[in-house]
């Protein structure tokens, strides 16, 4: 791996949103407030982990595309991946023959994306399968190879971020929303992963994990619904997004929730992490002779 040349004083700042669900359940007031926050935060990169629409209709994609176009004036880069609501649910022939055609027309032509920024490498994968594991999600061997190659080429100082709609099975807290049943080591081919950004659950959470074999830390970050009336669990009736900034050695993660009285997003949860600090690995005891 190469070492990157850092600009003096530069700070990686990334906003993670998910599950806007343009359509009848989209909350326009919250969506407008989200744009105001993007303008105020001056983040370099916006990551959207799926479900831009509720029922993948042309009119909903037009609205979602217009919102993304406005957000593109507020950030330098947008990385997006589809969610299971971004393909037709009940328009059967469309789902059979061209499930992603409206997403690719209005949101992004690529279902998988790799973004190499000055301080972050982001691999965003399409975990949606139109006819198998639609709710649970699935990833392919081809996607594993692409992820491993992308992180292998990345500078060692950069933050390595994986993004997809369906959460890893570690986040399984709701019976009707089981997660991706695949270890992160398989997804990345063993290459280092610092953050995994997901959506789907409509319930925000940040988990620090350590690889059992190496002790390397990794953050699993689930975003609640950022602008719809579909919050679940502790996020029922709530909207949120995540602000992630800093470096691997000093990374700040903030969850911002929409305050219905103040009519704006406010910081509710704030934590810092050192992703360069490995956890001691427990070695098996040698048998006593």
Protein backbone atom coordinates (compact mmCIF):
# COMPACT_ATOMS: atom_id res chain seq x y z
CA UNK A 1 0.00 0.00 0.00
CA UNK A 2 1.03 3.59 -0.62
CA UNK A 3 0.98 6.44 1.87
CA UNK A 4 -1.19 9.38 0.87
CA UNK A 5 -0.06 13.00 0.77
CA UNK A 6 -2.30 14.85 3.22
CA UNK A 7 -3.23 18.48 2.79
CA UNK A 8 -2.29 20.38 5.92
CA UNK A 9 -5.39 21.08 7.98
CA UNK A 10 -7.70 18.96 5.80
CA UNK A 11 -10.41 17.00 7.62
CA UNK A 12 -12.38 14.10 6.20
CA UNK A 13 -16.08 14.87 6.65
CA UNK A 14 -18.76 12.49 5.40
CA UNK A 15 -22.54 12.52 5.81
CA UNK A 16 -24.38 9.19 5.75
CA UNK A 17 -28.11 9.19 4.96
CA UNK A 18 -30.52 6.41 4.05
CA UNK A 19 -34.11 5.42 3.32
CA UNK A 20 -35.58 8.74 2.18
CA UNK A 21 -38.50 6.85 0.56
CA UNK A 22 -39.76 9.51 -1.83
CA UNK A 23 -43.48 8.92 -2.26
CA UNK A 24 -46.48 9.11 0.08
CA UNK A 25 -44.37 8.53 3.23
CA UNK A 26 -41.68 11.09 2.42
CA UNK A 27 -41.63 14.05 4.84
CA UNK A 28 -40.84 17.15 2.78
CA UNK A 29 -40.21 19.31 5.86
CA UNK A 30 -37.55 16.90 7.08
CA UNK A 31 -36.06 16.57 3.59
CA UNK A 32 -35.67 20.35 3.31
CA UNK A 33 -34.08 20.50 6.76
CA UNK A 34 -31.65 17.79 5.69
CA UNK A 35 -30.51 19.96 2.77
CA UNK A 36 -29.98 22.90 5.12
CA UNK A 37 -27.81 20.68 7.32
CA UNK A 38 -25.72 19.59 4.34
CA UNK A 39 -25.13 23.24 3.50
CA UNK A 40 -24.12 24.08 7.08
CA UNK A 41 -21.88 21.05 7.67
CA UNK A 42 -19.84 21.56 4.47
CA UNK A 43 -19.16 17.84 4.17
CA UNK A 44 -17.02 16.66 1.29
CA UNK A 45 -18.94 13.46 0.63
CA UNK A 46 -22.54 12.28 0.91
CA UNK A 47 -23.21 8.53 1.10
CA UNK A 48 -26.77 7.32 0.47
CA UNK A 49 -27.31 3.67 1.46
CA UNK A 50 -30.43 2.92 -0.57
CA UNK A 51 -34.21 3.22 -0.70
CA UNK A 52 -34.49 6.57 -2.41
CA UNK A 53 -38.12 5.72 -3.25
CA UNK A 54 -41.07 3.90 -1.71
CA UNK A 55 -42.39 2.02 -4.76
CA UNK A 56 -39.85 2.75 -7.52
CA UNK A 57 -42.27 4.69 -9.72
CA UNK A 58 -41.08 7.19 -12.32
CA UNK A 59 -42.63 10.12 -10.45
CA UNK A 60 -40.92 9.10 -7.20
CA UNK A 61 -37.56 8.77 -8.95
CA UNK A 62 -38.01 12.20 -10.53
CA UNK A 63 -38.54 13.69 -7.06
CA UNK A 64 -35.56 11.78 -5.65
CA UNK A 65 -33.35 12.85 -8.56
CA UNK A 66 -34.30 16.50 -8.04
CA UNK A 67 -33.39 16.26 -4.34
CA UNK A 68 -30.03 14.65 -5.18
CA UNK A 69 -29.34 17.36 -7.75
CA UNK A 70 -29.86 20.00 -5.06
CA UNK A 71 -27.64 18.11 -2.64
CA UNK A 72 -24.91 17.87 -5.30
CA UNK A 73 -24.56 21.66 -5.04
CA UNK A 74 -23.73 21.28 -1.33
CA UNK A 75 -21.16 18.46 -1.33
CA UNK A 76 -18.21 17.59 -3.55
CA UNK A 77 -19.10 13.92 -4.04
CA UNK A 78 -22.17 11.69 -3.82
CA UNK A 79 -21.89 7.91 -3.51
CA UNK A 80 -25.16 5.99 -3.69
CA UNK A 81 -26.34 2.38 -3.88
CA UNK A 82 -29.85 0.96 -4.46
CA UNK A 83 -32.21 -0.44 -1.82
CA UNK A 84 -34.93 -3.06 -2.11
CA UNK A 85 -37.59 -0.31 -2.48
CA UNK A 86 -35.76 1.03 -5.54
CA UNK A 87 -37.04 -1.80 -7.73
CA UNK A 88 -40.69 -2.54 -8.65
CA UNK A 89 -42.49 -4.66 -6.09
CA UNK A 90 -45.82 -5.28 -7.84
CA UNK A 91 -45.04 -4.45 -11.51
CA UNK A 92 -44.03 -8.04 -12.14
CA UNK A 93 -42.85 -7.92 -15.75
CA UNK A 94 -40.79 -4.83 -15.10
CA UNK A 95 -39.26 -6.52 -12.10
CA UNK A 96 -38.40 -9.53 -14.27
CA UNK A 97 -37.04 -7.75 -17.33
CA UNK A 98 -35.54 -4.45 -16.13
CA UNK A 99 -35.78 -4.06 -12.35
CA UNK A 100 -33.19 -1.26 -12.06
CA UNK A 101 -33.90 0.73 -15.22
CA UNK A 102 -35.55 3.70 -13.47
CA UNK A 103 -32.90 3.78 -10.76
CA UNK A 104 -30.19 3.81 -13.42
CA UNK A 105 -31.99 6.47 -15.44
CA UNK A 106 -32.60 8.90 -12.58
CA UNK A 107 -30.17 8.08 -9.75
CA UNK A 108 -26.98 6.54 -11.12
CA UNK A 109 -26.10 4.32 -14.10
CA UNK A 110 -23.82 2.11 -11.98
CA UNK A 111 -25.26 -0.25 -9.38
CA UNK A 112 -21.83 -0.72 -7.77
CA UNK A 113 -19.53 2.26 -7.24
CA UNK A 114 -15.93 2.79 -6.14
CA UNK A 115 -14.89 6.25 -4.99
CA UNK A 116 -11.24 7.14 -4.30
CA UNK A 117 -11.10 10.46 -2.46
CA UNK A 118 -8.09 12.22 -1.00
CA UNK A 119 -8.77 10.79 2.45
CA UNK A 120 -11.29 7.99 1.97
CA UNK A 121 -11.99 5.02 -0.29
CA UNK A 122 -15.66 4.06 -0.52
CA UNK A 123 -16.99 0.87 -2.10
CA UNK A 124 -20.78 0.98 -2.49
CA UNK A 125 -22.39 -2.31 -3.48
CA UNK A 126 -25.81 -3.30 -4.76
CA UNK A 127 -27.14 -5.82 -2.22
CA UNK A 128 -30.59 -6.02 -3.86
CA UNK A 129 -31.62 -9.21 -5.64
CA UNK A 130 -35.01 -8.84 -7.39
CA UNK A 131 -36.06 -12.48 -7.00
CA UNK A 132 -34.00 -13.92 -4.16
CA UNK A 133 -33.41 -12.63 -0.64
CA UNK A 134 -35.05 -9.31 -1.47
CA UNK A 135 -35.49 -8.43 2.21
CA UNK A 136 -32.28 -10.05 3.48
CA UNK A 137 -30.00 -8.94 0.64
CA UNK A 138 -27.17 -10.75 -1.10
CA UNK A 139 -23.71 -10.01 -2.50
CA UNK A 140 -21.82 -11.84 -5.25
CA UNK A 141 -18.32 -13.22 -5.65
CA UNK A 142 -17.71 -10.60 -8.35
CA UNK A 143 -18.52 -7.87 -5.84
CA UNK A 144 -16.14 -9.46 -3.31
CA UNK A 145 -13.31 -9.31 -5.87
CA UNK A 146 -14.08 -5.69 -6.76
CA UNK A 147 -14.08 -4.71 -3.08
CA UNK A 148 -10.78 -6.45 -2.33
CA UNK A 149 -9.08 -4.92 -5.37
CA UNK A 150 -10.33 -1.42 -4.52
CA UNK A 151 -9.13 -1.50 -0.92
CA UNK A 152 -5.83 -3.11 -1.92
CA UNK A 153 -5.13 -0.17 -4.25
CA UNK A 154 -6.05 2.39 -1.58
CA UNK A 155 -3.46 4.38 0.35
CA UNK A 156 -2.88 3.01 3.85
CA UNK A 157 -3.80 6.30 5.55
CA UNK A 158 -7.22 6.48 3.91
CA UNK A 159 -10.40 5.45 5.66
CA UNK A 160 -11.83 2.30 4.06
CA UNK A 161 -15.63 2.42 3.84
CA UNK A 162 -18.07 -0.25 2.69
CA UNK A 163 -21.64 0.81 1.94
CA UNK A 164 -24.69 -1.23 0.99
CA UNK A 165 -28.37 -1.18 1.85
CA UNK A 166 -28.87 -4.40 3.82
CA UNK A 167 -27.08 -4.64 7.19
CA UNK A 168 -24.74 -7.43 8.16
CA UNK A 169 -26.44 -10.14 10.21
CA UNK A 170 -24.81 -8.61 13.33
CA UNK A 171 -27.53 -5.96 13.21
CA UNK A 172 -30.38 -8.50 13.16
CA UNK A 173 -32.84 -7.14 15.70
CA UNK A 174 -36.12 -7.44 13.80
CA UNK A 175 -37.53 -10.78 12.65
CA UNK A 176 -38.78 -9.40 9.33
CA UNK A 177 -35.43 -7.75 8.58
CA UNK A 178 -32.67 -10.35 8.90
CA UNK A 179 -29.25 -9.23 7.70
CA UNK A 180 -26.66 -10.26 5.14
CA UNK A 181 -25.35 -13.63 6.25
CA UNK A 182 -21.76 -13.13 5.07
CA UNK A 183 -18.64 -12.22 7.09
CA UNK A 184 -16.99 -8.91 6.24
CA UNK A 185 -13.66 -10.72 5.70
CA UNK A 186 -15.23 -12.53 2.74
CA UNK A 187 -16.66 -9.32 1.29
CA UNK A 188 -13.28 -7.53 1.39
CA UNK A 189 -11.06 -10.50 0.68
CA UNK A 190 -9.35 -9.90 4.01
CA UNK A 191 -8.43 -6.31 3.16
CA UNK A 192 -8.92 -3.78 5.95
CA UNK A 193 -12.42 -2.34 6.40
CA UNK A 194 -12.89 0.58 8.81
CA UNK A 195 -16.58 1.38 8.40
CA UNK A 196 -19.64 -0.48 7.12
CA UNK A 197 -22.51 1.91 6.34
CA UNK A 198 -26.00 0.43 5.91
CA UNK A 199 -29.69 1.30 6.10
CA UNK A 200 -32.85 -0.83 5.68
CA UNK A 201 -33.72 -1.19 9.39
CA UNK A 202 -34.96 2.41 9.85
CA UNK A 203 -33.26 2.26 13.25
CA UNK A 204 -29.87 3.91 13.81
CA UNK A 205 -27.01 2.23 15.63
CA UNK A 206 -23.21 2.38 15.91
CA UNK A 207 -21.31 -0.77 16.90
CA UNK A 208 -17.57 -1.18 17.43
CA UNK A 209 -16.37 -4.66 16.54
CA UNK A 210 -13.00 -6.39 16.51
CA UNK A 211 -11.88 -9.11 14.14
CA UNK A 212 -11.33 -12.27 16.20
CA UNK A 213 -8.24 -13.28 14.26
CA UNK A 214 -6.37 -9.96 14.09
CA UNK A 215 -7.99 -7.76 16.74
CA UNK A 216 -8.49 -5.01 14.14
CA UNK A 217 -11.41 -2.68 14.92
CA UNK A 218 -14.30 -1.88 12.60
CA UNK A 219 -17.41 0.26 12.98
CA UNK A 220 -20.82 -0.95 11.86
CA UNK A 221 -23.04 2.09 11.34
CA UNK A 222 -26.73 1.73 10.56
CA UNK A 223 -28.62 4.88 9.56
CA UNK A 224 -32.28 5.37 10.40
CA UNK A 225 -34.71 6.74 7.85
CA UNK A 226 -33.47 10.22 7.02
CA UNK A 227 -36.67 11.73 5.66
CA UNK A 228 -39.66 9.39 5.82
CA UNK A 229 -42.41 8.51 8.29
CA UNK A 230 -41.22 4.90 8.58
CA UNK A 231 -38.94 4.91 11.63
CA UNK A 232 -38.87 1.66 13.63
CA UNK A 233 -37.75 0.44 17.03
CA UNK A 234 -36.24 3.21 19.12
CA UNK A 235 -36.38 5.40 15.98
CA UNK A 236 -40.16 5.11 15.56
CA UNK A 237 -41.44 8.50 14.46
CA UNK A 238 -37.89 9.84 14.16
CA UNK A 239 -35.49 10.79 11.36
CA UNK A 240 -31.72 10.75 11.49
CA UNK A 241 -28.42 10.94 9.63
CA UNK A 242 -24.80 10.30 10.60
CA UNK A 243 -21.87 12.72 10.42
CA UNK A 244 -18.47 11.02 10.28
CA UNK A 245 -15.29 13.08 10.39
CA UNK A 246 -11.60 12.85 11.21
CA UNK A 247 -9.09 10.10 10.53
CA UNK A 248 -8.63 6.46 11.42
CA UNK A 249 -6.73 7.44 14.57
CA UNK A 250 -9.33 9.97 15.73
CA UNK A 251 -12.73 9.40 14.16
CA UNK A 252 -15.84 11.20 15.38
CA UNK A 253 -19.29 9.75 14.69
CA UNK A 254 -22.35 11.87 15.40
CA UNK A 255 -25.99 10.87 14.97
CA UNK A 256 -28.26 13.83 14.23
CA UNK A 257 -32.00 13.50 14.87
CA UNK A 258 -34.75 15.77 13.59
CA UNK A 259 -36.23 17.85 16.42
CA UNK A 260 -39.93 18.33 15.66
CA UNK A 261 -40.12 21.39 17.94
CA UNK A 262 -37.01 23.16 16.66
CA UNK A 263 -37.70 22.00 13.08
CA UNK A 264 -34.07 21.10 12.54
CA UNK A 265 -31.60 18.25 13.07
CA UNK A 266 -29.68 18.24 16.35
CA UNK A 267 -26.79 16.10 17.61
CA UNK A 268 -28.08 13.37 19.90
CA UNK A 269 -25.26 10.82 20.00
CA UNK A 270 -21.54 11.66 19.78
CA UNK A 271 -18.61 9.22 20.04
CA UNK A 272 -14.92 9.08 19.13
CA UNK A 273 -12.94 6.03 18.02
CA UNK A 274 -9.32 5.07 17.40
CA UNK A 275 -9.44 2.57 14.54
CA UNK A 276 -5.66 2.11 14.60
CA UNK A 277 -5.78 0.55 18.06
CA UNK A 278 -6.07 -3.21 17.83
CA UNK A 279 -7.66 -5.31 20.52
CA UNK A 280 -5.39 -7.98 22.07
CA UNK A 281 -5.93 -11.35 20.41
CA UNK A 282 -6.60 -14.25 22.79
CA UNK A 283 -4.28 -17.11 21.92
CA UNK A 284 -5.37 -20.67 22.75
CA UNK A 285 -3.64 -22.14 25.79
CA UNK A 286 -1.04 -24.79 25.12
CA UNK A 287 -1.85 -28.17 26.66
CA UNK A 288 0.04 -28.90 29.86
CA UNK A 289 2.36 -31.86 29.40
